[in-house]
Amino acid sequence: MLFVDDVTVVLSPAEWAICARPIVGDGGAQLLLRDLLAAMIDEHQILATYVQLDRAYQYAYSYGGGGFQDRFRAIIKAALRAGWAPK
């Protein structure tokens, strides 16, 4: 079911290649990334909420290095193309 707060994020093949790498660990970034990838609705398409995307934006641009910024930046880039905007 599609809700008002859902965004269909379509990843390019290059973005998908970045995001599909194995996720090691169980911290907040890893859990969010797993949640986003579990929300795949079709090949390279993620059904994400605004809350998830806002959190992904924080991990991509506001926190220190943890190794997942490139994955979150790929998702954010695709979300921006879909019309999402950070708060």
N, C-alpha and C. Protein backbone atom coordinates (compact mmCIF):
# COMPACT_ATOMS: atom_id res chain seq x y z
N MET A 1 0.84 -1.18 0.00
CA MET A 1 0.00 0.00 0.00
C MET A 1 0.89 1.24 0.00
N LEU A 2 0.59 2.19 -0.85
CA LEU A 2 1.36 3.42 -0.97
C LEU A 2 0.75 4.49 -0.09
N PHE A 3 1.54 5.09 0.77
CA PHE A 3 1.08 6.16 1.63
C PHE A 3 1.63 7.48 1.14
N VAL A 4 1.05 8.58 1.62
CA VAL A 4 1.49 9.91 1.21
C VAL A 4 2.97 10.12 1.53
N ASP A 5 3.44 9.52 2.60
CA ASP A 5 4.82 9.71 3.01
C ASP A 5 5.79 8.72 2.38
N ASP A 6 5.37 8.03 1.34
CA ASP A 6 6.23 7.07 0.66
C ASP A 6 6.80 7.69 -0.62
N VAL A 7 8.03 7.33 -0.91
CA VAL A 7 8.68 7.78 -2.14
C VAL A 7 9.23 6.54 -2.84
N THR A 8 8.92 6.40 -4.12
CA THR A 8 9.52 5.33 -4.90
C THR A 8 10.85 5.82 -5.43
N VAL A 9 11.91 5.23 -4.93
CA VAL A 9 13.27 5.62 -5.27
C VAL A 9 13.81 4.62 -6.29
N VAL A 10 14.12 5.12 -7.48
CA VAL A 10 14.62 4.25 -8.55
C VAL A 10 16.12 4.46 -8.67
N LEU A 11 16.85 3.42 -8.33
CA LEU A 11 18.31 3.48 -8.39
C LEU A 11 18.81 3.14 -9.79
N SER A 12 19.79 3.87 -10.25
CA SER A 12 20.45 3.52 -11.51
C SER A 12 21.25 2.25 -11.28
N PRO A 13 21.66 1.56 -12.34
CA PRO A 13 22.51 0.38 -12.15
C PRO A 13 23.78 0.69 -11.34
N ALA A 14 24.39 1.84 -11.57
CA ALA A 14 25.60 2.21 -10.82
C ALA A 14 25.28 2.44 -9.35
N GLU A 15 24.16 3.11 -9.07
CA GLU A 15 23.76 3.34 -7.68
C GLU A 15 23.43 2.02 -6.99
N TRP A 16 22.75 1.14 -7.73
CA TRP A 16 22.42 -0.17 -7.16
C TRP A 16 23.69 -0.95 -6.83
N ALA A 17 24.68 -0.89 -7.70
CA ALA A 17 25.94 -1.60 -7.46
C ALA A 17 26.60 -1.12 -6.16
N ILE A 18 26.50 0.16 -5.88
CA ILE A 18 27.05 0.71 -4.64
C ILE A 18 26.26 0.19 -3.43
N CYS A 19 24.95 0.22 -3.52
CA CYS A 19 24.09 -0.14 -2.39
C CYS A 19 24.03 -1.63 -2.12
N ALA A 20 24.25 -2.44 -3.13
CA ALA A 20 24.08 -3.88 -3.01
C ALA A 20 25.28 -4.60 -2.40
N ARG A 21 26.33 -3.86 -2.09
CA ARG A 21 27.49 -4.51 -1.46
C ARG A 21 27.08 -5.08 -0.10
N PRO A 22 27.76 -6.10 0.38
CA PRO A 22 27.41 -6.68 1.68
C PRO A 22 27.43 -5.65 2.80
N ILE A 23 26.50 -5.79 3.72
CA ILE A 23 26.38 -4.89 4.87
C ILE A 23 26.92 -5.62 6.09
N VAL A 24 27.99 -5.11 6.65
CA VAL A 24 28.63 -5.74 7.81
C VAL A 24 28.36 -4.88 9.04
N GLY A 25 27.95 -5.52 10.13
CA GLY A 25 27.71 -4.81 11.38
C GLY A 25 26.24 -4.66 11.67
N ASP A 26 25.95 -4.10 12.85
CA ASP A 26 24.55 -3.97 13.24
C ASP A 26 24.26 -2.63 13.92
N GLY A 27 24.97 -1.60 13.51
CA GLY A 27 24.71 -0.26 14.04
C GLY A 27 23.51 0.38 13.35
N GLY A 28 23.26 1.61 13.71
CA GLY A 28 22.11 2.34 13.17
C GLY A 28 22.13 2.49 11.66
N ALA A 29 23.30 2.80 11.11
CA ALA A 29 23.42 2.97 9.67
C ALA A 29 23.14 1.65 8.95
N GLN A 30 23.69 0.57 9.48
CA GLN A 30 23.50 -0.73 8.86
C GLN A 30 22.03 -1.15 8.92
N LEU A 31 21.38 -0.91 10.06
CA LEU A 31 19.96 -1.27 10.19
C LEU A 31 19.10 -0.48 9.22
N LEU A 32 19.37 0.81 9.09
CA LEU A 32 18.60 1.63 8.15
C LEU A 32 18.83 1.16 6.72
N LEU A 33 20.06 0.89 6.37
CA LEU A 33 20.36 0.42 5.02
C LEU A 33 19.66 -0.91 4.73
N ARG A 34 19.68 -1.81 5.70
CA ARG A 34 18.97 -3.09 5.53
C ARG A 34 17.46 -2.86 5.37
N ASP A 35 16.90 -1.95 6.17
CA ASP A 35 15.47 -1.65 6.06
C ASP A 35 15.12 -1.09 4.67
N LEU A 36 15.96 -0.19 4.19
CA LEU A 36 15.70 0.39 2.87
C LEU A 36 15.78 -0.68 1.78
N LEU A 37 16.78 -1.53 1.85
CA LEU A 37 16.93 -2.57 0.82
C LEU A 37 15.85 -3.64 0.95
N ALA A 38 15.32 -3.83 2.16
CA ALA A 38 14.21 -4.78 2.34
C ALA A 38 12.91 -4.23 1.76
N ALA A 39 12.88 -2.92 1.50
CA ALA A 39 11.68 -2.28 0.95
C ALA A 39 11.71 -2.25 -0.58
N MET A 40 12.49 -3.13 -1.18
CA MET A 40 12.53 -3.20 -2.65
C MET A 40 11.17 -3.63 -3.16
N ILE A 41 10.62 -2.90 -4.12
CA ILE A 41 9.34 -3.25 -4.70
C ILE A 41 9.49 -3.79 -6.11
N ASP A 42 10.63 -3.57 -6.70
CA ASP A 42 10.93 -4.05 -8.04
C ASP A 42 12.44 -3.92 -8.19
N GLU A 43 12.95 -4.43 -9.29
CA GLU A 43 14.39 -4.34 -9.49
C GLU A 43 14.85 -2.89 -9.45
N HIS A 44 15.74 -2.59 -8.53
CA HIS A 44 16.35 -1.27 -8.36
C HIS A 44 15.37 -0.21 -7.85
N GLN A 45 14.20 -0.61 -7.36
CA GLN A 45 13.22 0.34 -6.83
C GLN A 45 12.98 0.08 -5.35
N ILE A 46 13.10 1.14 -4.56
CA ILE A 46 12.88 1.06 -3.12
C ILE A 46 11.68 1.93 -2.78
N LEU A 47 10.76 1.41 -1.99
CA LEU A 47 9.65 2.20 -1.48
C LEU A 47 10.07 2.68 -0.10
N ALA A 48 10.46 3.95 -0.01
CA ALA A 48 11.01 4.51 1.22
C ALA A 48 10.06 5.55 1.80
N THR A 49 10.10 5.70 3.10
CA THR A 49 9.32 6.76 3.75
C THR A 49 10.17 8.02 3.83
N TYR A 50 9.50 9.14 4.03
CA TYR A 50 10.22 10.39 4.23
C TYR A 50 11.11 10.31 5.46
N VAL A 51 10.65 9.63 6.50
CA VAL A 51 11.45 9.48 7.72
C VAL A 51 12.73 8.72 7.41
N GLN A 52 12.62 7.62 6.67
CA GLN A 52 13.82 6.86 6.30
C GLN A 52 14.78 7.71 5.47
N LEU A 53 14.24 8.46 4.53
CA LEU A 53 15.10 9.28 3.67
C LEU A 53 15.75 10.41 4.45
N ASP A 54 15.02 11.00 5.40
CA ASP A 54 15.62 12.04 6.23
C ASP A 54 16.78 11.46 7.05
N ARG A 55 16.59 10.26 7.59
CA ARG A 55 17.67 9.60 8.35
C ARG A 55 18.84 9.28 7.42
N ALA A 56 18.53 8.77 6.22
CA ALA A 56 19.59 8.44 5.26
C ALA A 56 20.39 9.69 4.90
N TYR A 57 19.70 10.81 4.76
CA TYR A 57 20.37 12.08 4.44
C TYR A 57 21.34 12.45 5.56
N GLN A 58 20.92 12.27 6.81
CA GLN A 58 21.79 12.56 7.94
C GLN A 58 23.04 11.68 7.90
N TYR A 59 22.85 10.38 7.64
CA TYR A 59 24.00 9.48 7.56
C TYR A 59 24.91 9.84 6.39
N ALA A 60 24.33 10.32 5.31
CA ALA A 60 25.11 10.63 4.11
C ALA A 60 25.93 11.90 4.27
N TYR A 61 25.38 12.90 4.97
CA TYR A 61 26.01 14.21 4.93
C TYR A 61 26.33 14.85 6.28
N SER A 62 25.78 14.33 7.37
CA SER A 62 25.94 15.04 8.64
C SER A 62 26.79 14.33 9.68
N TYR A 63 26.95 13.05 9.58
CA TYR A 63 27.68 12.31 10.59
C TYR A 63 29.11 12.05 10.13
N GLY A 64 29.95 11.66 11.05
CA GLY A 64 31.33 11.33 10.72
C GLY A 64 31.41 10.08 9.86
N GLY A 65 32.59 9.78 9.41
CA GLY A 65 32.80 8.64 8.54
C GLY A 65 32.50 7.32 9.22
N GLY A 66 31.79 6.48 8.54
CA GLY A 66 31.48 5.15 9.05
C GLY A 66 31.51 4.12 7.95
N GLY A 67 31.73 4.58 6.72
CA GLY A 67 31.86 3.66 5.61
C GLY A 67 30.61 3.45 4.79
N PHE A 68 29.49 4.03 5.21
CA PHE A 68 28.24 3.82 4.48
C PHE A 68 27.75 5.07 3.76
N GLN A 69 28.50 6.17 3.85
CA GLN A 69 28.06 7.42 3.26
C GLN A 69 27.80 7.29 1.76
N ASP A 70 28.67 6.57 1.05
CA ASP A 70 28.48 6.44 -0.40
C ASP A 70 27.17 5.75 -0.73
N ARG A 71 26.78 4.78 0.07
CA ARG A 71 25.52 4.07 -0.18
C ARG A 71 24.33 4.99 0.07
N PHE A 72 24.38 5.72 1.19
CA PHE A 72 23.28 6.62 1.49
C PHE A 72 23.23 7.77 0.48
N ARG A 73 24.38 8.24 0.03
CA ARG A 73 24.38 9.31 -0.98
C ARG A 73 23.78 8.83 -2.29
N ALA A 74 24.01 7.58 -2.66
CA ALA A 74 23.40 7.03 -3.87
C ALA A 74 21.88 7.00 -3.74
N ILE A 75 21.40 6.58 -2.57
CA ILE A 75 19.95 6.53 -2.34
C ILE A 75 19.36 7.95 -2.34
N ILE A 76 20.04 8.88 -1.70
CA ILE A 76 19.56 10.26 -1.65
C ILE A 76 19.54 10.88 -3.04
N LYS A 77 20.55 10.63 -3.83
CA LYS A 77 20.60 11.15 -5.21
C LYS A 77 19.38 10.66 -5.99
N ALA A 78 19.06 9.38 -5.85
CA ALA A 78 17.88 8.83 -6.54
C ALA A 78 16.59 9.39 -5.97
N ALA A 79 16.54 9.60 -4.66
CA ALA A 79 15.34 10.17 -4.03
C ALA A 79 15.10 11.60 -4.50
N LEU A 80 16.17 12.36 -4.67
CA LEU A 80 16.03 13.73 -5.18
C LEU A 80 15.45 13.73 -6.59
N ARG A 81 15.87 12.78 -7.41
CA ARG A 81 15.30 12.67 -8.76
C ARG A 81 13.82 12.34 -8.70
N ALA A 82 13.41 11.62 -7.64
CA ALA A 82 11.99 11.23 -7.50
C ALA A 82 11.14 12.35 -6.90
N GLY A 83 11.76 13.47 -6.56
CA GLY A 83 11.00 14.60 -6.05
C GLY A 83 11.07 14.80 -4.54
N TRP A 84 11.78 13.93 -3.83
CA TRP A 84 11.95 14.10 -2.40
C TRP A 84 12.90 15.26 -2.14
N ALA A 85 12.68 15.96 -1.04
CA ALA A 85 13.60 17.03 -0.63
C ALA A 85 13.87 16.92 0.86
N PRO A 86 15.11 17.12 1.29
CA PRO A 86 15.42 17.04 2.72
C PRO A 86 14.75 18.15 3.49
N LYS A 87 14.46 17.83 4.75
CA LYS A 87 13.83 18.87 5.61
C LYS A 87 14.89 19.76 6.18
